[in-house]
Amino acid sequence: MSIIGWIILGLLAGAIAKVLLPGRDPGGLIGTTVIGIIGAFLGGWISTRFLDRPISNDFYDTATWVAAVGGSLVLLIVYRLLFGNSRERR
């Protein structure tokens, strides 16, 4: 899969992660989108590096989607832990 494919997958994975973890994030839509793209790359890297599961070149491979959404979820959780939830009043 090309870099453009990973970016599109990251956009979709970020949207799925946002649906699974609702709430307002400090960064809004653009921040969540960037987290989705980086999370897709992170999930693919973790999958190939530590789980010994090579990522297929097929865009519709289930393992690729699970890795991308999982990476996005992990990154979104870490982002919220580091920068807090914007629902809190300061």
PDB file of N, CA and C in Angstrom:
ATOM      1  N   MET A   1       0.852  -1.157   0.000  1.00  0.00           N
ATOM      2  CA  MET A   1       0.000   0.000   0.000  1.00  0.00           C
ATOM      3  C   MET A   1       0.908   1.234   0.000  1.00  0.00           C
ATOM      4  N   SER A   2       0.554   2.216  -0.772  1.00  0.00           N
ATOM      5  CA  SER A   2       1.375   3.415  -0.898  1.00  0.00           C
ATOM      6  C   SER A   2       1.174   4.340   0.301  1.00  0.00           C
ATOM      7  N   ILE A   3       1.971   5.374   0.356  1.00  0.00           N
ATOM      8  CA  ILE A   3       1.869   6.354   1.435  1.00  0.00           C
ATOM      9  C   ILE A   3       0.507   7.051   1.415  1.00  0.00           C
ATOM     10  N   ILE A   4      -0.032   7.277   0.226  1.00  0.00           N
ATOM     11  CA  ILE A   4      -1.360   7.892   0.111  1.00  0.00           C
ATOM     12  C   ILE A   4      -2.421   6.954   0.688  1.00  0.00           C
ATOM     13  N   GLY A   5      -2.267   5.667   0.438  1.00  0.00           N
ATOM     14  CA  GLY A   5      -3.194   4.684   0.999  1.00  0.00           C
ATOM     15  C   GLY A   5      -3.168   4.679   2.516  1.00  0.00           C
ATOM     16  N   TRP A   6      -1.952   4.790   3.099  1.00  0.00           N
ATOM     17  CA  TRP A   6      -1.830   4.838   4.556  1.00  0.00           C
ATOM     18  C   TRP A   6      -2.434   6.120   5.119  1.00  0.00           C
ATOM     19  N   ILE A   7      -2.306   7.224   4.403  1.00  0.00           N
ATOM     20  CA  ILE A   7      -2.901   8.483   4.868  1.00  0.00           C
ATOM     21  C   ILE A   7      -4.423   8.390   4.858  1.00  0.00           C
ATOM     22  N   ILE A   8      -4.976   7.836   3.784  1.00  0.00           N
ATOM     23  CA  ILE A   8      -6.433   7.665   3.712  1.00  0.00           C
ATOM     24  C   ILE A   8      -6.903   6.699   4.786  1.00  0.00           C
ATOM     25  N   LEU A   9      -6.174   5.604   4.964  1.00  0.00           N
ATOM     26  CA  LEU A   9      -6.501   4.647   6.022  1.00  0.00           C
ATOM     27  C   LEU A   9      -6.419   5.316   7.384  1.00  0.00           C
ATOM     28  N   GLY A  10      -5.413   6.174   7.583  1.00  0.00           N
ATOM     29  CA  GLY A  10      -5.274   6.893   8.846  1.00  0.00           C
ATOM     30  C   GLY A  10      -6.420   7.848   9.100  1.00  0.00           C
ATOM     31  N   LEU A  11      -6.872   8.527   8.064  1.00  0.00           N
ATOM     32  CA  LEU A  11      -8.023   9.422   8.211  1.00  0.00           C
ATOM     33  C   LEU A  11      -9.253   8.643   8.665  1.00  0.00           C
ATOM     34  N   LEU A  12      -9.481   7.515   8.023  1.00  0.00           N
ATOM     35  CA  LEU A  12     -10.639   6.691   8.389  1.00  0.00           C
ATOM     36  C   LEU A  12     -10.460   6.053   9.761  1.00  0.00           C
ATOM     37  N   ALA A  13      -9.237   5.611  10.071  1.00  0.00           N
ATOM     38  CA  ALA A  13      -8.977   5.008  11.381  1.00  0.00           C
ATOM     39  C   ALA A  13      -9.145   6.039  12.485  1.00  0.00           C
ATOM     40  N   GLY A  14      -8.723   7.274  12.241  1.00  0.00           N
ATOM     41  CA  GLY A  14      -8.913   8.340  13.218  1.00  0.00           C
ATOM     42  C   GLY A  14     -10.381   8.621  13.465  1.00  0.00           C
ATOM     43  N   ALA A  15     -11.179   8.593  12.402  1.00  0.00           N
ATOM     44  CA  ALA A  15     -12.619   8.802  12.555  1.00  0.00           C
ATOM     45  C   ALA A  15     -13.248   7.662  13.350  1.00  0.00           C
ATOM     46  N   ILE A  16     -12.817   6.436  13.086  1.00  0.00           N
ATOM     47  CA  ILE A  16     -13.344   5.285  13.831  1.00  0.00           C
ATOM     48  C   ILE A  16     -12.925   5.366  15.297  1.00  0.00           C
ATOM     49  N   ALA A  17     -11.668   5.741  15.542  1.00  0.00           N
ATOM     50  CA  ALA A  17     -11.197   5.879  16.923  1.00  0.00           C
ATOM     51  C   ALA A  17     -11.972   6.966  17.655  1.00  0.00           C
ATOM     52  N   LYS A  18     -12.299   8.033  16.963  1.00  0.00           N
ATOM     53  CA  LYS A  18     -13.070   9.122  17.564  1.00  0.00           C
ATOM     54  C   LYS A  18     -14.482   8.660  17.917  1.00  0.00           C
ATOM     55  N   VAL A  19     -15.070   7.814  17.083  1.00  0.00           N
ATOM     56  CA  VAL A  19     -16.397   7.274  17.366  1.00  0.00           C
ATOM     57  C   VAL A  19     -16.331   6.333  18.576  1.00  0.00           C
ATOM     58  N   LEU A  20     -15.249   5.543  18.666  1.00  0.00           N
ATOM     59  CA  LEU A  20     -15.106   4.607  19.780  1.00  0.00           C
ATOM     60  C   LEU A  20     -14.759   5.312  21.084  1.00  0.00           C
ATOM     61  N   LEU A  21     -14.087   6.455  21.015  1.00  0.00           N
ATOM     62  CA  LEU A  21     -13.735   7.255  22.191  1.00  0.00           C
ATOM     63  C   LEU A  21     -14.323   8.657  22.042  1.00  0.00           C
ATOM     64  N   PRO A  22     -15.619   8.800  22.246  1.00  0.00           N
ATOM     65  CA  PRO A  22     -16.222  10.117  22.047  1.00  0.00           C
ATOM     66  C   PRO A  22     -15.756  11.110  23.101  1.00  0.00           C
ATOM     67  N   GLY A  23     -15.913  12.342  22.784  1.00  0.00           N
ATOM     68  CA  GLY A  23     -15.538  13.413  23.700  1.00  0.00           C
ATOM     69  C   GLY A  23     -14.791  14.488  22.941  1.00  0.00           C
ATOM     70  N   ARG A  24     -14.625  15.610  23.590  1.00  0.00           N
ATOM     71  CA  ARG A  24     -13.918  16.715  22.960  1.00  0.00           C
ATOM     72  C   ARG A  24     -12.439  16.573  23.246  1.00  0.00           C
ATOM     73  N   ASP A  25     -11.665  16.628  22.218  1.00  0.00           N
ATOM     74  CA  ASP A  25     -10.220  16.530  22.351  1.00  0.00           C
ATOM     75  C   ASP A  25      -9.586  17.900  22.215  1.00  0.00           C
ATOM     76  N   PRO A  26      -8.513  18.133  22.956  1.00  0.00           N
ATOM     77  CA  PRO A  26      -7.799  19.394  22.781  1.00  0.00           C
ATOM     78  C   PRO A  26      -7.054  19.371  21.452  1.00  0.00           C
ATOM     79  N   GLY A  27      -7.591  19.907  20.450  1.00  0.00           N
ATOM     80  CA  GLY A  27      -6.974  19.868  19.128  1.00  0.00           C
ATOM     81  C   GLY A  27      -8.030  19.807  18.054  1.00  0.00           C
ATOM     82  N   GLY A  28      -9.235  19.432  18.443  1.00  0.00           N
ATOM     83  CA  GLY A  28     -10.345  19.415  17.511  1.00  0.00           C
ATOM     84  C   GLY A  28     -10.223  18.384  16.408  1.00  0.00           C
ATOM     85  N   LEU A  29     -10.883  18.684  15.327  1.00  0.00           N
ATOM     86  CA  LEU A  29     -10.947  17.767  14.194  1.00  0.00           C
ATOM     87  C   LEU A  29      -9.585  17.560  13.537  1.00  0.00           C
ATOM     88  N   ILE A  30      -8.831  18.625  13.388  1.00  0.00           N
ATOM     89  CA  ILE A  30      -7.524  18.500  12.734  1.00  0.00           C
ATOM     90  C   ILE A  30      -6.581  17.676  13.594  1.00  0.00           C
ATOM     91  N   GLY A  31      -6.587  17.913  14.902  1.00  0.00           N
ATOM     92  CA  GLY A  31      -5.741  17.130  15.804  1.00  0.00           C
ATOM     93  C   GLY A  31      -6.092  15.657  15.786  1.00  0.00           C
ATOM     94  N   THR A  32      -7.380  15.367  15.795  1.00  0.00           N
ATOM     95  CA  THR A  32      -7.822  13.972  15.743  1.00  0.00           C
ATOM     96  C   THR A  32      -7.449  13.320  14.414  1.00  0.00           C
ATOM     97  N   THR A  33      -7.524  14.071  13.329  1.00  0.00           N
ATOM     98  CA  THR A  33      -7.151  13.549  12.019  1.00  0.00           C
ATOM     99  C   THR A  33      -5.661  13.215  11.969  1.00  0.00           C
ATOM    100  N   VAL A  34      -4.852  14.118  12.486  1.00  0.00           N
ATOM    101  CA  VAL A  34      -3.400  13.864  12.514  1.00  0.00           C
ATOM    102  C   VAL A  34      -3.088  12.666  13.399  1.00  0.00           C
ATOM    103  N   ILE A  35      -3.773  12.567  14.525  1.00  0.00           N
ATOM    104  CA  ILE A  35      -3.589  11.413  15.411  1.00  0.00           C
ATOM    105  C   ILE A  35      -3.972  10.123  14.685  1.00  0.00           C
ATOM    106  N   GLY A  36      -5.032  10.156  13.894  1.00  0.00           N
ATOM    107  CA  GLY A  36      -5.432   8.974  13.127  1.00  0.00           C
ATOM    108  C   GLY A  36      -4.382   8.558  12.119  1.00  0.00           C
ATOM    109  N   ILE A  37      -3.792   9.510  11.426  1.00  0.00           N
ATOM    110  CA  ILE A  37      -2.765   9.190  10.430  1.00  0.00           C
ATOM    111  C   ILE A  37      -1.527   8.622  11.113  1.00  0.00           C
ATOM    112  N   ILE A  38      -1.064   9.301  12.162  1.00  0.00           N
ATOM    113  CA  ILE A  38       0.119   8.818  12.881  1.00  0.00           C
ATOM    114  C   ILE A  38      -0.179   7.480  13.547  1.00  0.00           C
ATOM    115  N   GLY A  39      -1.391   7.330  14.081  1.00  0.00           N
ATOM    116  CA  GLY A  39      -1.786   6.071  14.714  1.00  0.00           C
ATOM    117  C   GLY A  39      -1.825   4.907  13.742  1.00  0.00           C
ATOM    118  N   ALA A  40      -2.225   5.165  12.501  1.00  0.00           N
ATOM    119  CA  ALA A  40      -2.225   4.098  11.492  1.00  0.00           C
ATOM    120  C   ALA A  40      -0.806   3.631  11.209  1.00  0.00           C
ATOM    121  N   PHE A  41       0.110   4.577  11.087  1.00  0.00           N
ATOM    122  CA  PHE A  41       1.512   4.210  10.897  1.00  0.00           C
ATOM    123  C   PHE A  41       2.055   3.469  12.116  1.00  0.00           C
ATOM    124  N   LEU A  42       1.716   3.960  13.309  1.00  0.00           N
ATOM    125  CA  LEU A  42       2.166   3.329  14.546  1.00  0.00           C
ATOM    126  C   LEU A  42       1.620   1.907  14.673  1.00  0.00           C
ATOM    127  N   GLY A  43       0.341   1.738  14.396  1.00  0.00           N
ATOM    128  CA  GLY A  43      -0.259   0.409  14.461  1.00  0.00           C
ATOM    129  C   GLY A  43       0.351  -0.553  13.465  1.00  0.00           C
ATOM    130  N   GLY A  44       0.631  -0.076  12.256  1.00  0.00           N
ATOM    131  CA  GLY A  44       1.290  -0.926  11.268  1.00  0.00           C
ATOM    132  C   GLY A  44       2.689  -1.295  11.681  1.00  0.00           C
ATOM    133  N   TRP A  45       3.415  -0.338  12.259  1.00  0.00           N
ATOM    134  CA  TRP A  45       4.773  -0.608  12.706  1.00  0.00           C
ATOM    135  C   TRP A  45       4.787  -1.613  13.853  1.00  0.00           C
ATOM    136  N   ILE A  46       3.897  -1.426  14.834  1.00  0.00           N
ATOM    137  CA  ILE A  46       3.822  -2.360  15.963  1.00  0.00           C
ATOM    138  C   ILE A  46       3.440  -3.747  15.487  1.00  0.00           C
ATOM    139  N   SER A  47       2.521  -3.812  14.552  1.00  0.00           N
ATOM    140  CA  SER A  47       2.074  -5.098  14.030  1.00  0.00           C
ATOM    141  C   SER A  47       3.206  -5.857  13.345  1.00  0.00           C
ATOM    142  N   THR A  48       3.998  -5.163  12.568  1.00  0.00           N
ATOM    143  CA  THR A  48       5.088  -5.850  11.866  1.00  0.00           C
ATOM    144  C   THR A  48       6.287  -6.088  12.763  1.00  0.00           C
ATOM    145  N   ARG A  49       6.569  -5.176  13.653  1.00  0.00           N
ATOM    146  CA  ARG A  49       7.778  -5.253  14.462  1.00  0.00           C
ATOM    147  C   ARG A  49       7.653  -6.221  15.631  1.00  0.00           C
ATOM    148  N   PHE A  50       6.579  -6.110  16.396  1.00  0.00           N
ATOM    149  CA  PHE A  50       6.466  -6.866  17.638  1.00  0.00           C
ATOM    150  C   PHE A  50       5.522  -8.057  17.566  1.00  0.00           C
ATOM    151  N   LEU A  51       4.522  -8.000  16.714  1.00  0.00           N
ATOM    152  CA  LEU A  51       3.558  -9.091  16.629  1.00  0.00           C
ATOM    153  C   LEU A  51       3.873 -10.063  15.508  1.00  0.00           C
ATOM    154  N   ASP A  52       4.938  -9.774  14.768  1.00  0.00           N
ATOM    155  CA  ASP A  52       5.377 -10.622  13.662  1.00  0.00           C
ATOM    156  C   ASP A  52       4.241 -10.886  12.673  1.00  0.00           C
ATOM    157  N   ARG A  53       3.439  -9.871  12.438  1.00  0.00           N
ATOM    158  CA  ARG A  53       2.323  -9.952  11.496  1.00  0.00           C
ATOM    159  C   ARG A  53       2.554  -8.925  10.404  1.00  0.00           C
ATOM    160  N   PRO A  54       3.049  -9.368   9.261  1.00  0.00           N
ATOM    161  CA  PRO A  54       3.300  -8.392   8.190  1.00  0.00           C
ATOM    162  C   PRO A  54       2.002  -7.773   7.693  1.00  0.00           C
ATOM    163  N   ILE A  55       2.083  -6.502   7.366  1.00  0.00           N
ATOM    164  CA  ILE A  55       0.931  -5.783   6.851  1.00  0.00           C
ATOM    165  C   ILE A  55       0.810  -6.060   5.357  1.00  0.00           C
ATOM    166  N   SER A  56      -0.375  -6.407   4.951  1.00  0.00           N
ATOM    167  CA  SER A  56      -0.638  -6.719   3.555  1.00  0.00           C
ATOM    168  C   SER A  56      -0.654  -5.436   2.721  1.00  0.00           C
ATOM    169  N   ASN A  57      -0.441  -5.580   1.444  1.00  0.00           N
ATOM    170  CA  ASN A  57      -0.530  -4.449   0.525  1.00  0.00           C
ATOM    171  C   ASN A  57      -1.965  -4.183   0.101  1.00  0.00           C
ATOM    172  N   ASP A  58      -2.887  -5.002   0.569  1.00  0.00           N
ATOM    173  CA  ASP A  58      -4.298  -4.854   0.227  1.00  0.00           C
ATOM    174  C   ASP A  58      -4.967  -3.875   1.183  1.00  0.00           C
ATOM    175  N   PHE A  59      -5.631  -2.881   0.648  1.00  0.00           N
ATOM    176  CA  PHE A  59      -6.287  -1.853   1.456  1.00  0.00           C
ATOM    177  C   PHE A  59      -7.416  -2.432   2.294  1.00  0.00           C
ATOM    178  N   TYR A  60      -8.031  -3.494   1.839  1.00  0.00           N
ATOM    179  CA  TYR A  60      -9.198  -4.061   2.524  1.00  0.00           C
ATOM    180  C   TYR A  60      -8.843  -5.235   3.423  1.00  0.00           C
ATOM    181  N   ASP A  61      -7.588  -5.382   3.810  1.00  0.00           N
ATOM    182  CA  ASP A  61      -7.167  -6.449   4.699  1.00  0.00           C
ATOM    183  C   ASP A  61      -7.613  -6.127   6.130  1.00  0.00           C
ATOM    184  N   THR A  62      -8.272  -7.075   6.780  1.00  0.00           N
ATOM    185  CA  THR A  62      -8.801  -6.856   8.129  1.00  0.00           C
ATOM    186  C   THR A  62      -7.691  -6.552   9.124  1.00  0.00           C
ATOM    187  N   ALA A  63      -6.581  -7.265   9.049  1.00  0.00           N
ATOM    188  CA  ALA A  63      -5.476  -7.037   9.987  1.00  0.00           C
ATOM    189  C   ALA A  63      -4.909  -5.632   9.847  1.00  0.00           C
ATOM    190  N   THR A  64      -4.871  -5.114   8.641  1.00  0.00           N
ATOM    191  CA  THR A  64      -4.386  -3.753   8.421  1.00  0.00           C
ATOM    192  C   THR A  64      -5.306  -2.748   9.096  1.00  0.00           C
ATOM    193  N   TRP A  65      -6.600  -2.942   8.955  1.00  0.00           N
ATOM    194  CA  TRP A  65      -7.574  -2.035   9.570  1.00  0.00           C
ATOM    195  C   TRP A  65      -7.523  -2.113  11.087  1.00  0.00           C
ATOM    196  N   VAL A  66      -7.412  -3.333  11.635  1.00  0.00           N
ATOM    197  CA  VAL A  66      -7.336  -3.494  13.088  1.00  0.00           C
ATOM    198  C   VAL A  66      -6.079  -2.817  13.625  1.00  0.00           C
ATOM    199  N   ALA A  67      -4.959  -2.991  12.937  1.00  0.00           N
ATOM    200  CA  ALA A  67      -3.711  -2.354  13.367  1.00  0.00           C
ATOM    201  C   ALA A  67      -3.827  -0.833  13.313  1.00  0.00           C
ATOM    202  N   ALA A  68      -4.422  -0.309  12.265  1.00  0.00           N
ATOM    203  CA  ALA A  68      -4.551   1.147  12.112  1.00  0.00           C
ATOM    204  C   ALA A  68      -5.486   1.735  13.162  1.00  0.00           C
ATOM    205  N   VAL A  69      -6.631   1.119  13.373  1.00  0.00           N
ATOM    206  CA  VAL A  69      -7.579   1.620  14.368  1.00  0.00           C
ATOM    207  C   VAL A  69      -7.001   1.446  15.774  1.00  0.00           C
ATOM    208  N   GLY A  70      -6.342   0.320  16.024  1.00  0.00           N
ATOM    209  CA  GLY A  70      -5.713   0.107  17.332  1.00  0.00           C
ATOM    210  C   GLY A  70      -4.637   1.138  17.623  1.00  0.00           C
ATOM    211  N   GLY A  71      -3.803   1.420  16.645  1.00  0.00           N
ATOM    212  CA  GLY A  71      -2.781   2.451  16.817  1.00  0.00           C
ATOM    213  C   GLY A  71      -3.385   3.819  17.049  1.00  0.00           C
ATOM    214  N   SER A  72      -4.456   4.125  16.355  1.00  0.00           N
ATOM    215  CA  SER A  72      -5.133   5.406  16.536  1.00  0.00           C
ATOM    216  C   SER A  72      -5.756   5.514  17.924  1.00  0.00           C
ATOM    217  N   LEU A  73      -6.348   4.426  18.400  1.00  0.00           N
ATOM    218  CA  LEU A  73      -6.931   4.428  19.741  1.00  0.00           C
ATOM    219  C   LEU A  73      -5.856   4.646  20.809  1.00  0.00           C
ATOM    220  N   VAL A  74      -4.750   3.935  20.673  1.00  0.00           N
ATOM    221  CA  VAL A  74      -3.667   4.078  21.649  1.00  0.00           C
ATOM    222  C   VAL A  74      -3.144   5.511  21.652  1.00  0.00           C
ATOM    223  N   LEU A  75      -2.918   6.051  20.479  1.00  0.00           N
ATOM    224  CA  LEU A  75      -2.395   7.413  20.385  1.00  0.00           C
ATOM    225  C   LEU A  75      -3.402   8.444  20.898  1.00  0.00           C
ATOM    226  N   LEU A  76      -4.687   8.226  20.648  1.00  0.00           N
ATOM    227  CA  LEU A  76      -5.715   9.145  21.140  1.00  0.00           C
ATOM    228  C   LEU A  76      -5.794   9.106  22.664  1.00  0.00           C
ATOM    229  N   ILE A  77      -5.675   7.931  23.248  1.00  0.00           N
ATOM    230  CA  ILE A  77      -5.681   7.807  24.704  1.00  0.00           C
ATOM    231  C   ILE A  77      -4.468   8.504  25.304  1.00  0.00           C
ATOM    232  N   VAL A  78      -3.295   8.279  24.722  1.00  0.00           N
ATOM    233  CA  VAL A  78      -2.079   8.934  25.215  1.00  0.00           C
ATOM    234  C   VAL A  78      -2.189  10.446  25.075  1.00  0.00           C
ATOM    235  N   TYR A  79      -2.728  10.909  23.973  1.00  0.00           N
ATOM    236  CA  TYR A  79      -2.915  12.342  23.742  1.00  0.00           C
ATOM    237  C   TYR A  79      -3.825  12.954  24.797  1.00  0.00           C
ATOM    238  N   ARG A  80      -4.903  12.250  25.115  1.00  0.00           N
ATOM    239  CA  ARG A  80      -5.829  12.755  26.141  1.00  0.00           C
ATOM    240  C   ARG A  80      -5.181  12.745  27.519  1.00  0.00           C
ATOM    241  N   LEU A  81      -4.371  11.742  27.800  1.00  0.00           N
ATOM    242  CA  LEU A  81      -3.694  11.695  29.090  1.00  0.00           C
ATOM    243  C   LEU A  81      -2.676  12.827  29.231  1.00  0.00           C
ATOM    244  N   LEU A  82      -1.967  13.131  28.159  1.00  0.00           N
ATOM    245  CA  LEU A  82      -0.943  14.166  28.210  1.00  0.00           C
ATOM    246  C   LEU A  82      -1.520  15.574  28.216  1.00  0.00           C
ATOM    247  N   PHE A  83      -2.524  15.811  27.391  1.00  0.00           N
ATOM    248  CA  PHE A  83      -3.030  17.158  27.226  1.00  0.00           C
ATOM    249  C   PHE A  83      -4.394  17.389  27.850  1.00  0.00           C
ATOM    250  N   GLY A  84      -4.967  16.375  28.453  1.00  0.00           N
ATOM    251  CA  GLY A  84      -6.230  16.526  29.167  1.00  0.00           C
ATOM    252  C   GLY A  84      -7.435  16.583  28.254  1.00  0.00           C
ATOM    253  N   ASN A  85      -8.566  16.469  28.870  1.00  0.00           N
ATOM    254  CA  ASN A  85      -9.828  16.520  28.163  1.00  0.00           C
ATOM    255  C   ASN A  85     -10.327  17.960  28.200  1.00  0.00           C
ATOM    256  N   SER A  86     -10.677  18.504  27.073  1.00  0.00           N
ATOM    257  CA  SER A  86     -11.070  19.910  27.005  1.00  0.00           C
ATOM    258  C   SER A  86     -12.448  20.156  27.623  1.00  0.00           C
ATOM    259  N   ARG A  87     -13.132  19.130  28.075  1.00  0.00           N
ATOM    260  CA  ARG A  87     -14.410  19.331  28.747  1.00  0.00           C
ATOM    261  C   ARG A  87     -14.207  19.948  30.129  1.00  0.00           C
ATOM    262  N   GLU A  88     -13.049  19.723  30.708  1.00  0.00           N
ATOM    263  CA  GLU A  88     -12.771  20.252  32.038  1.00  0.00           C
ATOM    264  C   GLU A  88     -12.620  21.764  31.966  1.00  0.00           C
ATOM    265  N   ARG A  89     -13.243  22.430  32.884  1.00  0.00           N
ATOM    266  CA  ARG A  89     -13.126  23.890  32.967  1.00  0.00           C
ATOM    267  C   ARG A  89     -11.876  24.226  33.773  1.00  0.00           C
ATOM    268  N   ARG A  90     -11.142  25.219  33.322  1.00  0.00           N
ATOM    269  CA  ARG A  90      -9.934  25.605  34.041  1.00  0.00           C
ATOM    270  C   ARG A  90     -10.090  26.950  34.660  1.00  0.00           C
TER     271      ARG A  90
END
